[in-house]
Amino acid sequence: MAEAQKLAIRKRSVLGKKVSALRRSGVLPGVLFGGHSESTPVETDLHTFELSYRRWGNTTLLALTGLDGGEVPALIHEVSRDPLNGRMLHIDFARVSLTEKTRAEVPLRFAKESPAVRTLGAVLLHAKSEVTVEAFPQDMPHQIEVDLSGLQEVDDAIYVRDLVVDGTTVRIVDDPDELVVKAVPVKVEEEVKPAVEAAAPVEGEAAAAAATAEGAAPAAAGEVPKGAAPAAAKGQPAAAKPGAEPKGAAQPKAPAAGGAKKT
């Protein structure tokens, strides 16, 4: 049975947007809810709580002091943080009864080394980082240790049913068949070859094209391609164009003046 850790709190009178002034002065605003009482706005010292929270986590039983009625047993339900710098902004405390079981999210702590990772080059696939646990507040574990040394081969896995807890005081609510961690092989992505930009013939295609050209049958002697004028035979003049005089033909001489034939 864990001993309750004491934390001094006090009722908070500053509400709404004015709580930003509390944070600047080193005060952490919060609320205490649950049980059979109404919600109560509270506050505590920011620096003191932050140092203690690093040791406690969310599942350590607290004894809240400073309120009317003495100590109040509680668990940390949620801590809100600034998403930019991680600074604490708000804390929610949940009242609990030491005679009633409650549920909480308990973190998993992965311990030792997996032989599948060390010798076979596998990597660990983490499927869960916490599990839901039911127990009396004073029996709630701070964390649950996961022994990785059992992952001997690639594809070995640890499931919720394999987690080691004290079954007499603690019950894990999650599905027993849920995966916690598994040793998986490293996937090597295939290199993507760039596409050929130009439609250049690959080696062998050019040679095949040349062989096809050389093996083409020559045209038959004297055969004129369709639509082409026939070439002149060697040593013979080319046919004259219609209406043109043959080159080198004798021109008739003009009759001499007064050279008319006498009768």
Protein backbone atom coordinates (compact mmCIF):
# COMPACT_ATOMS: atom_id res chain seq x y z
CA MET A 1 0.00 0.00 0.00
CA ALA A 2 1.46 3.31 -1.10
CA GLU A 3 1.71 6.15 1.39
CA ALA A 4 -0.18 9.29 0.43
CA GLN A 5 1.97 12.27 -0.55
CA LYS A 6 0.91 15.52 1.10
CA LEU A 7 0.29 18.63 -0.98
CA ALA A 8 -0.78 22.01 0.40
CA ILE A 9 -3.61 23.69 -1.50
CA ARG A 10 -6.05 26.48 -0.75
CA LYS A 11 -9.38 27.68 -2.06
CA ARG A 12 -9.17 29.97 -5.06
CA SER A 13 -11.14 33.20 -5.31
CA VAL A 14 -9.71 34.39 -8.63
CA LEU A 15 -11.71 32.94 -11.50
CA GLY A 16 -12.02 33.23 -15.28
CA LYS A 17 -9.45 35.06 -17.37
CA LYS A 18 -7.95 36.71 -14.29
CA VAL A 19 -6.14 33.47 -13.42
CA SER A 20 -3.34 34.47 -15.83
CA ALA A 21 -2.24 36.93 -13.15
CA LEU A 22 -1.96 34.03 -10.70
CA ARG A 23 0.38 32.15 -13.01
CA ARG A 24 2.61 35.18 -13.41
CA SER A 25 2.91 35.31 -9.61
CA GLY A 26 3.93 31.64 -9.39
CA VAL A 27 0.53 30.18 -8.49
CA LEU A 28 -1.00 27.18 -10.32
CA PRO A 29 -4.81 27.32 -10.55
CA GLY A 30 -6.84 24.13 -10.38
CA VAL A 31 -10.07 22.47 -9.37
CA LEU A 32 -10.99 19.65 -6.99
CA PHE A 33 -13.94 17.53 -8.13
CA GLY A 34 -15.58 14.13 -7.77
CA GLY A 35 -16.67 12.10 -4.81
CA HIS A 36 -19.88 13.23 -3.17
CA SER A 37 -19.01 16.93 -3.03
CA GLU A 38 -19.23 19.84 -5.41
CA SER A 39 -16.31 21.08 -7.46
CA THR A 40 -14.06 23.51 -5.62
CA PRO A 41 -11.67 25.99 -7.29
CA VAL A 42 -8.22 25.59 -5.70
CA GLU A 43 -4.65 26.79 -6.16
CA THR A 44 -1.17 25.65 -5.17
CA ASP A 45 2.43 26.76 -5.49
CA LEU A 46 3.54 26.22 -9.08
CA HIS A 47 7.24 25.54 -8.44
CA THR A 48 6.60 23.14 -5.55
CA PHE A 49 4.00 21.17 -7.44
CA GLU A 50 6.11 20.95 -10.61
CA LEU A 51 9.06 19.43 -8.73
CA SER A 52 6.84 16.92 -6.94
CA TYR A 53 4.87 15.98 -10.07
CA ARG A 54 8.06 14.72 -11.74
CA ARG A 55 8.24 12.01 -9.06
CA TRP A 56 4.55 11.34 -8.60
CA GLY A 57 2.97 11.19 -12.00
CA ASN A 58 -0.82 10.93 -12.20
CA THR A 59 -1.33 7.77 -10.15
CA THR A 60 0.28 8.65 -6.83
CA LEU A 61 -2.23 9.00 -4.00
CA LEU A 62 -2.21 12.54 -2.63
CA ALA A 63 -3.39 13.92 0.70
CA LEU A 64 -4.51 17.47 -0.01
CA THR A 65 -4.16 19.75 2.99
CA GLY A 66 -5.31 23.28 3.66
CA LEU A 67 -9.03 22.82 3.05
CA ASP A 68 -11.83 22.66 5.58
CA GLY A 69 -12.27 19.15 6.92
CA GLY A 70 -8.64 18.08 7.08
CA GLU A 71 -6.85 15.98 4.50
CA VAL A 72 -8.61 15.03 1.28
CA PRO A 73 -7.43 11.90 -0.59
CA ALA A 74 -7.14 12.60 -4.31
CA LEU A 75 -5.46 11.61 -7.54
CA ILE A 76 -4.19 13.92 -10.27
CA HIS A 77 -6.73 13.67 -13.06
CA GLU A 78 -5.13 15.98 -15.62
CA VAL A 79 -2.42 18.61 -15.98
CA SER A 80 -2.95 21.19 -18.74
CA ARG A 81 0.12 22.72 -20.35
CA ASP A 82 0.92 25.50 -22.77
CA PRO A 83 1.41 23.79 -26.18
CA LEU A 84 4.23 26.18 -27.10
CA ASN A 85 6.50 26.14 -24.05
CA GLY A 86 5.10 23.24 -21.96
CA ARG A 87 4.44 25.42 -18.92
CA MET A 88 1.77 24.17 -16.53
CA LEU A 89 -1.50 26.07 -16.84
CA HIS A 90 -4.08 24.17 -14.78
CA ILE A 91 -4.45 21.09 -12.59
CA ASP A 92 -7.48 18.87 -11.98
CA PHE A 93 -7.63 16.85 -8.73
CA ALA A 94 -10.13 13.97 -8.43
CA ARG A 95 -11.43 13.05 -4.99
CA VAL A 96 -11.20 9.35 -4.19
CA SER A 97 -12.33 7.03 -1.43
CA LEU A 98 -9.85 4.71 0.22
CA THR A 99 -12.59 2.08 0.47
CA GLU A 100 -13.69 2.23 -3.19
CA LYS A 101 -11.80 1.12 -6.26
CA THR A 102 -11.10 3.67 -8.94
CA ARG A 103 -9.61 3.70 -12.43
CA ALA A 104 -6.60 5.58 -13.72
CA GLU A 105 -4.26 5.65 -16.72
CA VAL A 106 -0.96 4.08 -15.65
CA PRO A 107 2.11 4.71 -17.85
CA LEU A 108 4.26 1.86 -19.15
CA ARG A 109 8.02 1.85 -18.56
CA PHE A 110 10.01 -0.15 -21.12
CA ALA A 111 13.04 -1.80 -19.55
CA LYS A 112 16.03 -3.88 -20.69
CA GLU A 113 17.03 -4.54 -24.30
CA SER A 114 15.47 -6.70 -26.98
CA PRO A 115 17.83 -9.32 -28.53
CA ALA A 116 15.90 -8.98 -31.78
CA VAL A 117 16.96 -5.35 -31.92
CA ARG A 118 20.53 -5.92 -30.75
CA THR A 119 21.46 -8.90 -32.92
CA LEU A 120 18.92 -9.03 -35.77
CA GLY A 121 18.58 -5.33 -36.52
CA ALA A 122 14.85 -5.19 -35.82
CA VAL A 123 13.06 -2.08 -34.59
CA LEU A 124 10.41 -1.79 -31.89
CA LEU A 125 6.86 -0.83 -32.78
CA HIS A 126 5.22 0.72 -29.68
CA ALA A 127 1.45 0.41 -29.82
CA LYS A 128 0.63 1.54 -26.26
CA SER A 129 2.29 3.85 -23.76
CA GLU A 130 -0.24 3.42 -20.92
CA VAL A 131 -3.03 1.15 -19.78
CA THR A 132 -6.18 1.66 -17.74
CA VAL A 133 -5.92 0.12 -14.28
CA GLU A 134 -8.57 -0.49 -11.63
CA ALA A 135 -7.51 -0.59 -7.98
CA PHE A 136 -7.96 1.05 -4.62
CA PRO A 137 -6.30 4.50 -4.69
CA GLN A 138 -3.63 3.42 -2.21
CA ASP A 139 -2.79 0.38 -4.39
CA MET A 140 -2.59 2.21 -7.71
CA PRO A 141 0.84 1.55 -9.26
CA HIS A 142 3.00 4.51 -10.26
CA GLN A 143 3.98 2.72 -13.50
CA ILE A 144 4.06 -0.77 -15.02
CA GLU A 145 7.38 -2.15 -16.21
CA VAL A 146 7.58 -3.91 -19.59
CA ASP A 147 10.51 -6.33 -19.97
CA LEU A 148 11.80 -6.15 -23.56
CA SER A 149 14.32 -8.97 -23.15
CA GLY A 150 11.61 -11.45 -24.14
CA LEU A 151 11.59 -10.18 -27.72
CA GLN A 152 14.10 -12.68 -29.05
CA GLU A 153 13.13 -12.92 -32.72
CA VAL A 154 11.65 -10.66 -35.38
CA ASP A 155 7.83 -10.54 -35.04
CA ASP A 156 7.96 -11.40 -31.33
CA ALA A 157 5.41 -9.26 -29.47
CA ILE A 158 4.16 -8.34 -26.00
CA TYR A 159 0.43 -8.00 -25.43
CA VAL A 160 -1.61 -6.56 -22.56
CA ARG A 161 -2.08 -10.08 -21.20
CA ASP A 162 1.71 -10.37 -20.85
CA LEU A 163 2.07 -7.37 -18.51
CA VAL A 164 3.16 -8.31 -15.00
CA VAL A 165 1.12 -6.77 -12.17
CA ASP A 166 -0.03 -7.82 -8.73
CA GLY A 167 -3.32 -9.48 -9.63
CA THR A 168 -4.53 -9.44 -6.04
CA THR A 169 -4.71 -5.64 -5.91
CA VAL A 170 -4.55 -4.43 -9.52
CA ARG A 171 -6.67 -5.25 -12.56
CA ILE A 172 -5.82 -4.05 -16.07
CA VAL A 173 -9.04 -3.03 -17.81
CA ASP A 174 -7.70 -2.96 -21.39
CA ASP A 175 -8.35 -5.81 -23.85
CA PRO A 176 -5.85 -8.62 -23.09
CA ASP A 177 -5.22 -9.13 -26.83
CA GLU A 178 -4.20 -5.52 -27.45
CA LEU A 179 -0.65 -5.12 -28.74
CA VAL A 180 1.82 -3.28 -26.51
CA VAL A 181 5.12 -3.56 -28.40
CA LYS A 182 6.46 -5.68 -31.25
CA ALA A 183 9.85 -6.32 -32.89
CA VAL A 184 9.46 -5.70 -36.61
CA PRO A 185 11.96 -5.88 -39.51
CA VAL A 186 13.42 -2.73 -40.96
CA LYS A 187 11.79 -1.87 -44.28
CA VAL A 188 14.21 -0.66 -46.95
CA GLU A 189 12.51 1.51 -49.52
CA GLU A 190 13.37 0.72 -53.14
CA GLU A 191 15.22 3.41 -55.06
CA VAL A 192 12.95 5.06 -57.58
CA LYS A 193 14.67 5.37 -60.96
CA PRO A 194 13.99 8.61 -62.85
CA ALA A 195 11.93 8.30 -66.00
CA VAL A 196 13.74 8.62 -69.35
CA GLU A 197 13.15 12.15 -70.57
CA ALA A 198 14.12 11.71 -74.23
CA ALA A 199 12.76 8.93 -76.42
CA ALA A 200 16.25 7.80 -77.36
CA PRO A 201 16.55 4.19 -78.54
CA VAL A 202 18.14 1.87 -76.08
CA GLU A 203 21.14 -0.21 -77.00
CA GLY A 204 20.06 -3.01 -79.35
CA GLU A 205 17.07 -1.11 -80.71
CA ALA A 206 19.31 1.18 -82.78
CA ALA A 207 21.22 -1.82 -84.14
CA ALA A 208 17.99 -3.56 -85.05
CA ALA A 209 16.78 -0.45 -86.88
CA ALA A 210 20.05 -0.24 -88.87
CA ALA A 211 19.90 -3.91 -89.80
CA THR A 212 16.36 -3.44 -91.06
CA ALA A 213 17.44 -0.50 -93.23
CA GLU A 214 20.39 -2.40 -94.75
CA GLY A 215 18.28 -5.45 -95.49
CA ALA A 216 15.64 -3.50 -97.44
CA ALA A 217 15.23 -4.84 -101.07
CA PRO A 218 16.47 -2.40 -103.84
CA ALA A 219 13.99 -1.17 -106.41
CA ALA A 220 13.85 -3.15 -109.70
CA ALA A 221 15.89 -1.78 -112.61
CA GLY A 222 13.94 0.72 -114.63
CA GLU A 223 11.15 0.85 -112.14
CA VAL A 224 10.03 4.37 -111.52
CA PRO A 225 8.60 5.25 -108.21
CA LYS A 226 4.98 6.14 -108.30
CA GLY A 227 4.46 9.82 -108.99
CA ALA A 228 8.11 10.50 -110.10
CA ALA A 229 9.19 11.54 -113.63
CA PRO A 230 11.23 8.89 -115.52
CA ALA A 231 14.93 9.68 -115.76
CA ALA A 232 16.48 10.07 -119.25
CA ALA A 233 18.49 7.16 -120.62
CA LYS A 234 22.26 7.60 -120.54
CA GLY A 235 23.56 9.26 -123.73
CA GLN A 236 20.14 10.32 -124.96
CA PRO A 237 18.79 13.86 -124.76
CA ALA A 238 16.07 14.56 -122.41
CA ALA A 239 12.61 14.93 -123.84
CA ALA A 240 11.83 18.50 -124.78
CA LYS A 241 9.11 20.32 -123.11
CA PRO A 242 6.01 20.95 -125.19
CA GLY A 243 6.46 24.05 -127.34
CA ALA A 244 10.20 24.32 -126.80
CA GLU A 245 12.69 24.10 -129.68
CA PRO A 246 15.29 21.42 -129.63
CA LYS A 247 18.66 22.61 -128.46
CA GLY A 248 21.18 22.96 -131.41
CA ALA A 249 18.57 22.78 -134.24
CA ALA A 250 19.46 24.79 -137.44
CA GLN A 251 17.61 28.08 -137.76
CA PRO A 252 16.36 29.03 -141.36
CA LYS A 253 18.21 32.00 -142.78
CA ALA A 254 16.32 35.10 -143.80
CA PRO A 255 16.28 35.68 -147.63
CA ALA A 256 18.68 38.33 -148.88
CA ALA A 257 17.26 41.65 -149.93
CA GLY A 258 16.28 41.71 -153.56
CA GLY A 259 17.00 38.10 -153.82
CA ALA A 260 13.54 37.16 -155.12
CA LYS A 261 13.51 34.35 -157.67
CA LYS A 262 13.11 35.47 -161.25
CA THR A 263 10.53 33.88 -163.29
